[in-house]
Amino acid sequence: MAWIRSFAMFWYDFVVGDDWRVAIGVAAGLGATAGLAHAGVNAWWLLPTVVAVLLGVSVRRVVKAARRS
């Protein structure tokens, strides 16, 4: 049973990592891209845009926290 917990914790750490907000944002971007593609919209551009915005927000948050320290 311990190996199941270890396996689950590995995947949690791998997917979520240090910032759960980015993980949720990427999951939402994947869902939105899939939804738009299913509706027939050419949505290849959405996921790279979401990732770029999330990266910028994440870096900005870290820089802001570093300045406070």
N, C-alpha and C. Protein backbone atom coordinates (compact mmCIF):
# COMPACT_ATOMS: atom_id res chain seq x y z
N MET A 1 0.82 -1.19 0.00
CA MET A 1 0.00 0.00 0.00
C MET A 1 0.87 1.26 0.00
N ALA A 2 2.06 1.17 0.57
CA ALA A 2 2.94 2.34 0.63
C ALA A 2 3.38 2.76 -0.77
N TRP A 3 3.51 1.81 -1.67
CA TRP A 3 3.95 2.16 -3.03
C TRP A 3 2.90 2.97 -3.76
N ILE A 4 1.62 2.76 -3.46
CA ILE A 4 0.55 3.54 -4.08
C ILE A 4 0.65 4.99 -3.62
N ARG A 5 0.87 5.17 -2.33
CA ARG A 5 1.01 6.54 -1.81
C ARG A 5 2.25 7.20 -2.41
N SER A 6 3.34 6.48 -2.49
CA SER A 6 4.57 7.03 -3.08
C SER A 6 4.35 7.40 -4.55
N PHE A 7 3.65 6.55 -5.27
CA PHE A 7 3.36 6.81 -6.68
C PHE A 7 2.49 8.07 -6.82
N ALA A 8 1.47 8.17 -5.99
CA ALA A 8 0.59 9.34 -6.04
C ALA A 8 1.34 10.62 -5.66
N MET A 9 2.19 10.54 -4.66
CA MET A 9 2.96 11.72 -4.25
C MET A 9 3.96 12.14 -5.32
N PHE A 10 4.54 11.16 -6.04
CA PHE A 10 5.43 11.49 -7.14
C PHE A 10 4.69 12.30 -8.19
N TRP A 11 3.52 11.82 -8.60
CA TRP A 11 2.78 12.50 -9.66
C TRP A 11 2.27 13.86 -9.19
N TYR A 12 1.88 13.97 -7.93
CA TYR A 12 1.46 15.27 -7.40
C TYR A 12 2.62 16.25 -7.46
N ASP A 13 3.79 15.82 -6.99
CA ASP A 13 4.96 16.68 -7.00
C ASP A 13 5.39 17.02 -8.43
N PHE A 14 5.27 16.06 -9.32
CA PHE A 14 5.66 16.28 -10.72
C PHE A 14 4.73 17.26 -11.41
N VAL A 15 3.44 17.13 -11.21
CA VAL A 15 2.46 17.98 -11.89
C VAL A 15 2.34 19.34 -11.21
N VAL A 16 2.19 19.35 -9.92
CA VAL A 16 1.95 20.60 -9.20
C VAL A 16 3.27 21.32 -8.94
N GLY A 17 4.27 20.61 -8.51
CA GLY A 17 5.57 21.22 -8.25
C GLY A 17 5.50 22.27 -7.16
N ASP A 18 6.05 23.43 -7.46
CA ASP A 18 6.13 24.50 -6.46
C ASP A 18 4.92 25.43 -6.47
N ASP A 19 4.21 25.48 -7.58
CA ASP A 19 3.14 26.47 -7.69
C ASP A 19 1.85 25.81 -8.19
N TRP A 20 0.92 25.62 -7.29
CA TRP A 20 -0.34 24.96 -7.65
C TRP A 20 -1.18 25.84 -8.58
N ARG A 21 -0.96 27.16 -8.52
CA ARG A 21 -1.73 28.05 -9.39
C ARG A 21 -1.40 27.83 -10.86
N VAL A 22 -0.13 27.59 -11.15
CA VAL A 22 0.27 27.33 -12.53
C VAL A 22 -0.32 26.00 -13.00
N ALA A 23 -0.32 25.00 -12.14
CA ALA A 23 -0.88 23.70 -12.51
C ALA A 23 -2.37 23.82 -12.83
N ILE A 24 -3.09 24.57 -12.02
CA ILE A 24 -4.52 24.77 -12.28
C ILE A 24 -4.73 25.57 -13.56
N GLY A 25 -3.89 26.58 -13.78
CA GLY A 25 -3.99 27.39 -14.99
C GLY A 25 -3.74 26.58 -16.25
N VAL A 26 -2.73 25.72 -16.21
CA VAL A 26 -2.45 24.87 -17.37
C VAL A 26 -3.60 23.89 -17.61
N ALA A 27 -4.12 23.32 -16.54
CA ALA A 27 -5.26 22.40 -16.69
C ALA A 27 -6.47 23.14 -17.28
N ALA A 28 -6.71 24.36 -16.83
CA ALA A 28 -7.82 25.14 -17.38
C ALA A 28 -7.56 25.49 -18.84
N GLY A 29 -6.32 25.80 -19.17
CA GLY A 29 -5.97 26.08 -20.56
C GLY A 29 -6.16 24.88 -21.46
N LEU A 30 -5.77 23.71 -20.96
CA LEU A 30 -5.99 22.47 -21.72
C LEU A 30 -7.46 22.23 -21.95
N GLY A 31 -8.25 22.43 -20.89
CA GLY A 31 -9.70 22.23 -21.01
C GLY A 31 -10.33 23.21 -21.97
N ALA A 32 -9.91 24.47 -21.90
CA ALA A 32 -10.46 25.48 -22.81
C ALA A 32 -10.07 25.20 -24.25
N THR A 33 -8.82 24.80 -24.45
CA THR A 33 -8.37 24.45 -25.80
C THR A 33 -9.15 23.27 -26.35
N ALA A 34 -9.33 22.26 -25.52
CA ALA A 34 -10.10 21.08 -25.96
C ALA A 34 -11.55 21.46 -26.27
N GLY A 35 -12.13 22.30 -25.43
CA GLY A 35 -13.51 22.72 -25.67
C GLY A 35 -13.67 23.50 -26.96
N LEU A 36 -12.75 24.42 -27.20
CA LEU A 36 -12.81 25.19 -28.44
C LEU A 36 -12.57 24.32 -29.66
N ALA A 37 -11.61 23.40 -29.57
CA ALA A 37 -11.33 22.50 -30.69
C ALA A 37 -12.53 21.60 -30.97
N HIS A 38 -13.19 21.16 -29.92
CA HIS A 38 -14.39 20.33 -30.09
C HIS A 38 -15.52 21.11 -30.76
N ALA A 39 -15.54 22.43 -30.52
CA ALA A 39 -16.57 23.27 -31.12
C ALA A 39 -16.21 23.67 -32.55
N GLY A 40 -15.05 23.24 -33.02
CA GLY A 40 -14.66 23.52 -34.39
C GLY A 40 -13.80 24.75 -34.57
N VAL A 41 -13.38 25.35 -33.46
CA VAL A 41 -12.53 26.54 -33.54
C VAL A 41 -11.08 26.11 -33.65
N ASN A 42 -10.31 26.81 -34.47
CA ASN A 42 -8.88 26.55 -34.60
C ASN A 42 -8.20 27.16 -33.38
N ALA A 43 -7.96 26.38 -32.33
CA ALA A 43 -7.53 26.90 -31.03
C ALA A 43 -6.10 26.52 -30.68
N TRP A 44 -5.24 26.32 -31.67
CA TRP A 44 -3.85 25.93 -31.39
C TRP A 44 -3.10 27.01 -30.63
N TRP A 45 -3.51 28.24 -30.76
CA TRP A 45 -2.83 29.39 -30.18
C TRP A 45 -3.13 29.60 -28.70
N LEU A 46 -4.20 29.00 -28.21
CA LEU A 46 -4.65 29.30 -26.85
C LEU A 46 -3.70 28.77 -25.79
N LEU A 47 -3.28 27.52 -25.89
CA LEU A 47 -2.44 26.94 -24.84
C LEU A 47 -1.08 27.63 -24.74
N PRO A 48 -0.37 27.90 -25.84
CA PRO A 48 0.89 28.64 -25.69
C PRO A 48 0.70 30.03 -25.06
N THR A 49 -0.41 30.68 -25.38
CA THR A 49 -0.70 31.99 -24.80
C THR A 49 -0.93 31.87 -23.30
N VAL A 50 -1.71 30.87 -22.90
CA VAL A 50 -1.98 30.65 -21.48
C VAL A 50 -0.67 30.36 -20.73
N VAL A 51 0.18 29.52 -21.29
CA VAL A 51 1.44 29.17 -20.62
C VAL A 51 2.34 30.40 -20.51
N ALA A 52 2.42 31.21 -21.55
CA ALA A 52 3.24 32.42 -21.50
C ALA A 52 2.74 33.39 -20.44
N VAL A 53 1.43 33.57 -20.36
CA VAL A 53 0.86 34.46 -19.35
C VAL A 53 1.11 33.92 -17.95
N LEU A 54 0.91 32.62 -17.77
CA LEU A 54 1.15 32.02 -16.45
C LEU A 54 2.62 32.13 -16.04
N LEU A 55 3.53 31.96 -16.98
CA LEU A 55 4.95 32.10 -16.68
C LEU A 55 5.25 33.52 -16.24
N GLY A 56 4.73 34.50 -16.95
CA GLY A 56 4.95 35.89 -16.56
C GLY A 56 4.39 36.21 -15.19
N VAL A 57 3.19 35.74 -14.91
CA VAL A 57 2.58 35.98 -13.60
C VAL A 57 3.38 35.30 -12.50
N SER A 58 3.84 34.09 -12.74
CA SER A 58 4.60 33.34 -11.74
C SER A 58 5.94 34.03 -11.45
N VAL A 59 6.64 34.45 -12.50
CA VAL A 59 7.92 35.13 -12.30
C VAL A 59 7.72 36.46 -11.58
N ARG A 60 6.68 37.18 -11.96
CA ARG A 60 6.40 38.46 -11.30
C ARG A 60 6.12 38.26 -9.81
N ARG A 61 5.39 37.20 -9.47
CA ARG A 61 5.07 36.93 -8.07
C ARG A 61 6.34 36.60 -7.29
N VAL A 62 7.26 35.84 -7.88
CA VAL A 62 8.50 35.48 -7.21
C VAL A 62 9.40 36.71 -7.02
N VAL A 63 9.49 37.55 -8.04
CA VAL A 63 10.31 38.76 -7.94
C VAL A 63 9.74 39.68 -6.88
N LYS A 64 8.45 39.81 -6.85
CA LYS A 64 7.80 40.67 -5.84
C LYS A 64 8.07 40.14 -4.43
N ALA A 65 8.00 38.84 -4.26
CA ALA A 65 8.28 38.23 -2.95
C ALA A 65 9.75 38.39 -2.57
N ALA A 66 10.64 38.32 -3.54
CA ALA A 66 12.07 38.47 -3.27
C ALA A 66 12.39 39.90 -2.86
N ARG A 67 11.70 40.86 -3.43
CA ARG A 67 11.94 42.27 -3.07
C ARG A 67 11.50 42.57 -1.65
N ARG A 68 10.46 41.88 -1.18
CA ARG A 68 9.96 42.09 0.18
C ARG A 68 10.91 41.52 1.23
N SER A 69 11.67 40.52 0.85
CA SER A 69 12.57 39.86 1.82
C SER A 69 13.80 40.68 2.11
